[in-house]
Amino acid sequence: METTAAPRRLSDRVRELDSQGAMERLAPLSDAEVAATLAELGPGHALDVLQKFTAERRGRIAAATLSGEGEQWLKDWHYPEGSVGRLVEAAPAHFRPQTPVREVIEALRDRVKRELITYVFATDEAGKLVGVGTFRELLYARPDQALADVMVHEPFYLRPEMSLVDAMREVVTRHYPVYPVCDANGRLIGLVRGQVLFEQQAFEISAQAGSLVGVEKEERAATPWPRALKLRHPWLQLNLLTAFIAAAVVGLFQNTVNQIVLLAVFLPVLSGQCSNTGCQALAVTLRGMTLNELHSGIGVRLMLKEAWLGLLNGMLVGVVASLGMFAMAHYQHNPHAATLALITFTAMSLSSVASGMAGAAVPLGLKRIGADPAMASSIFLTTATDVVSMGLFLGMATWLLI
């Protein structure tokens, strides 16, 4: 007997869209319907969609939430993108440490039917977090015991301004379902769920590959093609501009290429090899940034390391490439076969040094000016490696052979 698949919830369909597409999908609905849908998405995604609405509609939607999530969304908005503060939910269960366990249980008896409550937080008169209690400890405690007798004192907590990367590094060995979030003075602000934290970081990591080639991280598989075109096309125009720069370098040596056509055969070989060398350095640098391994002063050492690796790899690859150049030139009875082989070896070696350094320098430079280190870094890297490798290869040929 065939069963009919259950219809998908609106929140499931909205979750597959980018924030702009989600806003356009929800805009015709009532404020209450939008608020209910956003509440099912989680605070991070809900905030991304909510900020696409006009200020007036934002306020109405936030006010229409049934459990006060909207007020928390507006508070989270003030924290920078990619921070823990953007994922904060209100802490529904917080009591004074001297509160009897009996009163804590009675206060939660009806609330747990409407809200997901994992831990009980203890705060002092100033709102400072002083302890965390679990339901297991409450279950086995005597009714007349104080919450302070069964709670964990001086608990671990996150700061709202922490980046997701820093937060993930702090929680990776803890694996708690919920983490309290406190300000610089230790006052309880709210909580962030471990699942939400890991999902958001997974999304950030998955978006990095697209960022390298100019795909905005908000674009999803279900993003309509007009919006996808709008997001991608400017970067393709930038890539075309940088390609013209590389083409101009070749144009400067047009006479050399006309006289020694064999040089044109090896230009893609040189460009492709150096670009790959630079992309390897780029990947390692971005990984170090993601894991927060690039502390102050390590940038220069990383560039020197990549330059050294580039030289070694370039020389090893250059030997094979120069043998190929020598064989082809000798087959064509070119009198400069040995010189062309030497030029190929030297250009491959030095260009790999430059591409390795560029692979580390591009994301470090983008970060220094406040830009996303991954955004279109592959485009800038390819341009740098093409200009250097082709210019060096053709320049040496012009100098030694023309």
Protein backbone atom coordinates (compact mmCIF):
# COMPACT_ATOMS: atom_id res chain seq x y z
CA MET A 1 0.00 0.00 0.00
CA GLU A 2 1.47 3.31 -1.06
CA THR A 3 1.73 6.09 1.46
CA THR A 4 1.52 9.74 0.59
CA ALA A 5 4.50 11.79 1.68
CA ALA A 6 3.68 14.42 4.28
CA PRO A 7 3.66 17.95 2.87
CA ARG A 8 6.80 19.91 3.64
CA ARG A 9 6.55 22.66 6.18
CA LEU A 10 7.04 26.22 5.05
CA SER A 11 10.09 26.57 7.30
CA ASP A 12 11.76 23.61 5.53
CA ARG A 13 11.27 25.27 2.14
CA VAL A 14 12.44 28.64 3.43
CA ARG A 15 15.55 27.07 4.98
CA GLU A 16 16.76 26.09 1.51
CA LEU A 17 16.63 29.68 0.22
CA ASP A 18 19.11 32.51 0.63
CA SER A 19 18.04 35.31 2.97
CA GLN A 20 16.75 37.57 0.19
CA GLY A 21 14.80 34.75 -1.44
CA ALA A 22 13.38 33.73 1.93
CA MET A 23 12.22 37.28 2.60
CA GLU A 24 10.50 37.47 -0.78
CA ARG A 25 8.81 34.11 -0.12
CA LEU A 26 7.54 35.22 3.30
CA ALA A 27 6.68 38.84 2.48
CA PRO A 28 3.04 38.18 1.36
CA LEU A 29 2.24 36.38 4.62
CA SER A 30 0.92 37.98 7.78
CA ASP A 31 3.34 39.17 10.46
CA ALA A 32 2.29 36.32 12.76
CA GLU A 33 2.88 33.70 10.06
CA VAL A 34 6.30 35.14 9.25
CA ALA A 35 7.21 35.23 12.94
CA ALA A 36 6.13 31.60 13.46
CA THR A 37 8.15 30.46 10.45
CA LEU A 38 11.28 32.35 11.49
CA ALA A 39 11.02 30.93 15.01
CA GLU A 40 11.38 27.44 13.52
CA LEU A 41 14.56 28.39 11.65
CA GLY A 42 16.71 29.17 14.66
CA PRO A 43 18.11 32.56 15.72
CA GLY A 44 20.98 32.83 13.23
CA HIS A 45 19.00 32.08 10.09
CA ALA A 46 15.97 33.97 11.38
CA LEU A 47 18.04 37.09 11.92
CA ASP A 48 19.54 36.89 8.42
CA VAL A 49 16.05 36.79 6.90
CA LEU A 50 14.55 39.35 9.26
CA GLN A 51 17.11 42.01 8.40
CA LYS A 52 16.00 41.88 4.75
CA PHE A 53 12.59 43.31 5.71
CA THR A 54 12.01 47.03 6.12
CA ALA A 55 12.57 48.48 9.59
CA GLU A 56 8.85 48.94 10.18
CA ARG A 57 7.98 45.37 9.10
CA ARG A 58 10.85 44.02 11.19
CA GLY A 59 9.42 45.55 14.31
CA ARG A 60 5.95 44.15 13.62
CA ILE A 61 7.26 40.66 12.94
CA ALA A 62 9.41 40.69 16.08
CA ALA A 63 6.42 41.79 18.16
CA ALA A 64 4.28 38.98 16.72
CA THR A 65 6.41 36.13 18.13
CA LEU A 66 4.54 34.11 20.74
CA SER A 67 7.41 33.41 23.14
CA GLY A 68 9.37 36.64 22.86
CA GLU A 69 11.93 35.39 20.33
CA GLY A 70 11.54 38.57 18.31
CA GLU A 71 12.85 40.77 21.11
CA GLN A 72 15.93 38.56 21.33
CA TRP A 73 16.45 38.74 17.54
CA LEU A 74 16.56 42.53 17.72
CA LYS A 75 19.13 42.33 20.52
CA ASP A 76 21.27 39.83 18.60
CA TRP A 77 21.30 42.15 15.60
CA HIS A 78 23.77 44.49 17.32
CA TYR A 79 26.49 41.85 17.38
CA PRO A 80 28.83 41.46 14.38
CA GLU A 81 28.20 38.85 11.72
CA GLY A 82 29.88 35.55 12.41
CA SER A 83 29.78 36.05 16.19
CA VAL A 84 28.16 33.99 18.93
CA GLY A 85 25.88 36.92 19.79
CA ARG A 86 23.98 36.39 16.52
CA LEU A 87 22.90 32.94 17.73
CA VAL A 88 21.82 33.81 21.27
CA GLU A 89 18.42 32.75 22.60
CA ALA A 90 16.83 33.99 25.81
CA ALA A 91 17.58 31.89 28.89
CA PRO A 92 14.13 30.80 30.08
CA ALA A 93 15.10 29.21 33.40
CA HIS A 94 17.21 31.29 35.78
CA PHE A 95 16.84 31.50 39.54
CA ARG A 96 18.68 32.77 42.59
CA PRO A 97 21.12 30.18 43.99
CA GLN A 98 19.30 30.12 47.33
CA THR A 99 15.99 29.11 45.70
CA PRO A 100 14.75 25.73 47.06
CA VAL A 101 14.72 22.87 44.57
CA ARG A 102 10.99 22.49 45.24
CA GLU A 103 10.27 25.99 43.94
CA VAL A 104 12.52 25.50 40.90
CA ILE A 105 10.68 22.33 39.89
CA GLU A 106 7.24 23.90 40.41
CA ALA A 107 8.21 26.95 38.36
CA LEU A 108 9.34 24.72 35.49
CA ARG A 109 6.52 22.16 35.62
CA ASP A 110 4.32 23.98 33.09
CA ARG A 111 7.07 25.81 31.19
CA VAL A 112 8.81 22.63 30.03
CA LYS A 113 5.60 21.74 28.17
CA ARG A 114 5.92 24.88 26.03
CA GLU A 115 9.67 25.53 25.89
CA LEU A 116 12.81 23.46 25.42
CA ILE A 117 14.65 23.84 28.71
CA THR A 118 17.92 21.94 29.09
CA TYR A 119 19.67 23.56 32.05
CA VAL A 120 18.71 25.72 35.01
CA PHE A 121 20.89 28.79 35.45
CA ALA A 122 21.65 30.42 38.78
CA THR A 123 22.30 34.18 38.84
CA ASP A 124 22.98 36.61 41.67
CA GLU A 125 21.26 39.94 42.28
CA ALA A 126 23.41 41.64 39.61
CA GLY A 127 22.48 39.01 37.01
CA LYS A 128 25.91 37.40 37.11
CA LEU A 129 25.98 33.70 36.28
CA VAL A 130 27.12 31.73 39.33
CA GLY A 131 26.01 28.19 38.54
CA VAL A 132 24.28 25.71 36.24
CA GLY A 133 21.95 22.96 37.35
CA THR A 134 20.92 19.84 35.45
CA PHE A 135 17.56 18.11 35.66
CA ARG A 136 19.25 14.95 36.90
CA GLU A 137 20.61 16.75 39.95
CA LEU A 138 17.23 18.37 40.58
CA LEU A 139 15.52 14.99 40.34
CA TYR A 140 17.70 13.39 43.02
CA ALA A 141 17.96 16.43 45.28
CA ARG A 142 15.84 16.87 48.41
CA PRO A 143 12.96 19.33 47.89
CA ASP A 144 14.24 21.58 50.64
CA GLN A 145 17.78 21.79 49.30
CA ALA A 146 18.90 25.07 47.73
CA LEU A 147 19.79 25.23 44.07
CA ALA A 148 23.32 26.23 45.16
CA ASP A 149 23.75 22.78 46.76
CA VAL A 150 23.25 20.86 43.53
CA MET A 151 24.47 23.22 40.81
CA VAL A 152 27.86 23.35 39.09
CA HIS A 153 29.70 26.39 40.41
CA GLU A 154 31.76 28.73 38.16
CA PRO A 155 30.44 27.17 34.95
CA PHE A 156 31.93 27.53 31.50
CA TYR A 157 30.33 30.18 29.30
CA LEU A 158 30.79 31.92 25.96
CA ARG A 159 31.08 35.62 25.23
CA PRO A 160 28.68 37.15 22.67
CA GLU A 161 31.41 38.95 20.73
CA MET A 162 33.42 35.75 20.22
CA SER A 163 33.74 34.60 16.62
CA LEU A 164 32.26 31.24 15.70
CA VAL A 165 35.77 29.91 15.11
CA ASP A 166 36.90 30.88 18.60
CA ALA A 167 33.71 29.47 20.11
CA MET A 168 34.11 26.18 18.27
CA ARG A 169 37.65 25.85 19.52
CA GLU A 170 36.42 26.38 23.09
CA VAL A 171 33.53 23.90 22.94
CA VAL A 172 35.01 21.17 20.75
CA THR A 173 36.06 19.10 23.79
CA ARG A 174 32.96 19.81 25.87
CA HIS A 175 30.00 18.76 23.71
CA TYR A 176 27.31 20.32 25.91
CA PRO A 177 23.82 20.62 24.42
CA VAL A 178 23.57 24.24 25.61
CA TYR A 179 26.14 26.92 26.47
CA PRO A 180 25.39 29.99 28.58
CA VAL A 181 26.43 33.32 27.08
CA CYS A 182 27.63 36.11 29.38
CA ASP A 183 29.00 39.61 28.93
CA ALA A 184 32.43 40.85 30.03
CA ASN A 185 31.19 41.15 33.63
CA GLY A 186 29.83 37.63 33.71
CA ARG A 187 26.18 38.69 33.53
CA LEU A 188 23.93 36.14 31.86
CA ILE A 189 22.74 37.33 28.44
CA GLY A 190 21.18 34.15 27.14
CA LEU A 191 22.18 30.78 25.76
CA VAL A 192 23.33 29.24 22.51
CA ARG A 193 22.52 25.67 21.57
CA GLY A 194 25.40 23.41 20.58
CA GLN A 195 23.50 22.15 17.54
CA VAL A 196 22.94 25.69 16.28
CA LEU A 197 26.60 26.55 16.85
CA PHE A 198 27.87 23.54 14.88
CA GLU A 199 25.32 24.00 12.08
CA GLN A 200 26.28 27.64 11.62
CA GLN A 201 29.99 26.86 11.54
CA ALA A 202 29.40 24.02 9.08
CA PHE A 203 27.57 26.48 6.82
CA GLU A 204 30.42 29.00 7.07
CA ILE A 205 32.96 26.32 6.13
CA SER A 206 30.86 25.03 3.24
CA ALA A 207 30.56 28.57 1.88
CA GLN A 208 34.32 29.13 1.84
CA ALA A 209 34.93 27.07 -1.33
CA GLY A 210 32.48 29.25 -3.26
CA SER A 211 33.93 32.44 -1.84
CA LEU A 212 37.28 31.63 -3.43
CA VAL A 213 35.79 32.08 -6.89
CA GLY A 214 33.31 34.85 -6.16
CA VAL A 215 30.18 32.94 -5.09
CA GLU A 216 28.45 34.81 -2.24
CA LYS A 217 27.96 32.65 0.83
CA GLU A 218 24.24 33.41 0.97
CA GLU A 219 23.60 31.75 -2.40
CA ARG A 220 21.99 28.34 -2.04
CA ALA A 221 21.10 25.55 -4.46
CA ALA A 222 17.47 26.75 -4.49
CA THR A 223 18.37 30.40 -5.12
CA PRO A 224 16.44 31.58 -8.23
CA TRP A 225 18.60 32.06 -11.31
CA PRO A 226 18.03 35.87 -11.61
CA ARG A 227 19.40 36.40 -8.11
CA ALA A 228 22.22 33.89 -8.66
CA LEU A 229 23.15 35.80 -11.82
CA LYS A 230 23.16 39.07 -9.89
CA LEU A 231 25.39 37.61 -7.16
CA ARG A 232 27.90 35.92 -9.46
CA HIS A 233 28.18 38.14 -12.51
CA PRO A 234 30.11 41.08 -10.96
CA TRP A 235 32.89 38.70 -9.95
CA LEU A 236 33.04 37.26 -13.47
CA GLN A 237 33.46 40.79 -14.82
CA LEU A 238 36.30 41.31 -12.33
CA ASN A 239 37.83 38.03 -13.46
CA LEU A 240 37.62 39.19 -17.08
CA LEU A 241 39.38 42.42 -16.17
CA THR A 242 42.19 40.55 -14.46
CA ALA A 243 42.43 38.21 -17.47
CA PHE A 244 42.94 41.26 -19.68
CA ILE A 245 45.85 42.25 -17.44
CA ALA A 246 47.49 38.85 -17.95
CA ALA A 247 46.77 39.06 -21.70
CA ALA A 248 48.41 42.48 -21.81
CA VAL A 249 51.60 40.99 -20.40
CA VAL A 250 51.67 38.45 -23.24
CA GLY A 251 50.95 41.27 -25.69
CA LEU A 252 54.08 43.07 -24.59
CA PHE A 253 56.12 40.14 -25.87
CA GLN A 254 54.11 39.49 -29.04
CA ASN A 255 57.20 39.80 -31.22
CA THR A 256 59.03 37.20 -29.17
CA VAL A 257 56.10 34.77 -29.39
CA ASN A 258 55.87 35.32 -33.16
CA GLN A 259 59.52 34.41 -33.60
CA ILE A 260 59.53 31.45 -31.22
CA VAL A 261 56.06 29.90 -31.44
CA LEU A 262 57.11 27.11 -29.10
CA LEU A 263 56.90 29.58 -26.24
CA ALA A 264 53.12 29.83 -26.70
CA VAL A 265 52.82 26.06 -26.25
CA PHE A 266 54.39 26.21 -22.80
CA LEU A 267 52.51 29.27 -21.50
CA PRO A 268 49.46 27.22 -20.32
CA VAL A 269 51.80 24.68 -18.73
CA LEU A 270 53.64 27.35 -16.78
CA SER A 271 50.46 29.22 -15.82
CA GLY A 272 48.59 26.11 -14.69
CA GLN A 273 51.46 24.78 -12.61
CA CYS A 274 52.10 28.08 -10.84
CA SER A 275 48.40 28.68 -10.22
CA ASN A 276 48.10 25.29 -8.55
CA THR A 277 51.15 26.01 -6.39
CA GLY A 278 49.57 29.27 -5.28
CA CYS A 279 46.21 27.60 -4.59
CA GLN A 280 47.91 25.09 -2.31
CA ALA A 281 49.42 27.93 -0.28
CA LEU A 282 46.07 29.73 -0.34
CA ALA A 283 44.25 26.67 1.03
CA VAL A 284 46.74 26.24 3.88
CA THR A 285 46.56 29.93 4.78
CA LEU A 286 42.76 29.98 4.81
CA ARG A 287 42.70 26.84 6.94
CA GLY A 288 45.07 28.48 9.39
CA MET A 289 42.80 31.53 9.54
CA THR A 290 39.74 29.35 10.10
CA LEU A 291 41.46 27.53 12.97
CA ASN A 292 42.91 30.79 14.30
CA GLU A 293 46.47 29.48 13.95
CA LEU A 294 47.89 32.65 12.38
CA HIS A 295 48.92 34.61 15.43
CA SER A 296 50.70 37.97 15.34
CA GLY A 297 53.97 37.81 13.44
CA ILE A 298 53.42 34.40 11.89
CA GLY A 299 52.29 35.87 8.56
CA VAL A 300 55.84 36.71 7.43
CA ARG A 301 57.12 33.27 8.47
CA LEU A 302 54.27 31.63 6.57
CA MET A 303 55.10 33.57 3.41
CA LEU A 304 58.79 32.62 3.69
CA LYS A 305 57.83 28.99 4.20
CA GLU A 306 55.58 29.02 1.13
CA ALA A 307 58.34 30.72 -0.89
CA TRP A 308 60.78 27.96 0.08
CA LEU A 309 58.25 25.24 -0.75
CA GLY A 310 57.50 26.99 -4.03
CA LEU A 311 61.20 27.01 -4.92
CA LEU A 312 61.65 23.31 -4.15
CA ASN A 313 58.47 22.25 -5.95
CA GLY A 314 59.23 24.60 -8.84
CA MET A 315 62.72 23.18 -9.31
CA LEU A 316 61.48 19.59 -9.25
CA VAL A 317 58.67 20.32 -11.69
CA GLY A 318 60.97 22.60 -13.67
CA VAL A 319 63.34 19.71 -14.40
CA VAL A 320 60.53 17.74 -16.07
CA ALA A 321 59.18 20.81 -17.90
CA SER A 322 62.63 21.79 -19.17
CA LEU A 323 63.21 18.28 -20.48
CA GLY A 324 59.90 18.52 -22.30
CA MET A 325 60.86 21.89 -23.76
CA PHE A 326 64.27 20.58 -24.84
CA ALA A 327 62.71 17.53 -26.52
CA MET A 328 60.16 19.60 -28.44
CA ALA A 329 62.71 22.25 -29.47
CA HIS A 330 65.21 19.59 -30.56
CA TYR A 331 62.49 17.79 -32.56
CA GLN A 332 61.73 21.06 -34.34
CA HIS A 333 65.47 21.60 -34.99
CA ASN A 334 65.48 24.80 -32.97
CA PRO A 335 69.10 25.92 -32.45
CA HIS A 336 68.23 27.35 -29.02
CA ALA A 337 66.90 24.10 -27.51
CA ALA A 338 69.27 24.14 -24.53
CA THR A 339 68.63 27.83 -23.81
CA LEU A 340 64.86 27.33 -24.00
CA ALA A 341 65.13 24.44 -21.53
CA LEU A 342 67.14 26.61 -19.14
CA ILE A 343 64.59 29.44 -19.47
CA THR A 344 61.76 27.01 -18.73
CA PHE A 345 63.49 25.63 -15.64
CA THR A 346 64.35 29.08 -14.28
CA ALA A 347 60.91 30.57 -15.00
CA MET A 348 59.13 27.60 -13.42
CA SER A 349 61.28 27.75 -10.29
CA LEU A 350 61.06 31.52 -9.71
CA SER A 351 57.38 31.73 -10.67
CA SER A 352 56.55 29.01 -8.15
CA VAL A 353 58.30 31.05 -5.47
CA ALA A 354 56.16 34.07 -6.35
CA SER A 355 52.93 32.04 -6.53
CA GLY A 356 53.58 30.42 -3.15
CA MET A 357 54.16 33.81 -1.52
CA ALA A 358 51.07 35.22 -3.27
CA GLY A 359 48.95 32.32 -2.04
CA ALA A 360 49.74 33.33 1.53
CA ALA A 361 49.82 37.08 0.96
CA VAL A 362 46.43 37.48 -0.79
CA PRO A 363 44.20 36.30 2.11
CA LEU A 364 46.44 37.99 4.67
CA GLY A 365 46.19 41.25 2.71
CA LEU A 366 42.41 40.99 2.34
CA LYS A 367 42.06 40.40 6.06
CA ARG A 368 44.29 43.36 6.87
CA ILE A 369 42.02 45.75 4.95
CA GLY A 370 38.94 44.31 6.65
CA ALA A 371 37.67 42.20 3.74
CA ASP A 372 36.68 38.52 3.78
CA PRO A 373 40.01 36.67 3.28
CA ALA A 374 38.33 34.05 1.10
CA MET A 375 36.19 36.31 -1.07
CA ALA A 376 37.42 36.05 -4.66
CA SER A 377 40.97 35.37 -3.42
CA SER A 378 41.40 32.77 -6.16
CA ILE A 379 40.73 35.46 -8.79
CA PHE A 380 43.40 37.79 -7.37
CA LEU A 381 45.83 34.91 -6.91
CA THR A 382 45.43 33.65 -10.49
CA THR A 383 46.05 37.14 -11.84
CA ALA A 384 49.22 37.57 -9.79
CA THR A 385 50.62 34.18 -10.78
CA ASP A 386 49.80 34.64 -14.48
CA VAL A 387 51.37 38.08 -14.67
CA VAL A 388 54.56 36.97 -12.89
CA SER A 389 54.99 33.59 -14.58
CA MET A 390 54.23 34.75 -18.13
CA GLY A 391 56.18 37.98 -17.74
CA LEU A 392 59.21 36.15 -16.37
CA PHE A 393 59.10 33.39 -19.01
CA LEU A 394 58.67 35.67 -22.01
CA GLY A 395 60.96 38.34 -20.58
CA MET A 396 63.84 35.89 -20.21
CA ALA A 397 63.22 34.56 -23.73
CA THR A 398 63.33 38.11 -25.13
CA TRP A 399 66.48 38.93 -23.20
CA LEU A 400 68.43 35.80 -24.11
CA LEU A 401 67.15 34.90 -27.57
CA ILE A 402 65.84 38.01 -29.39
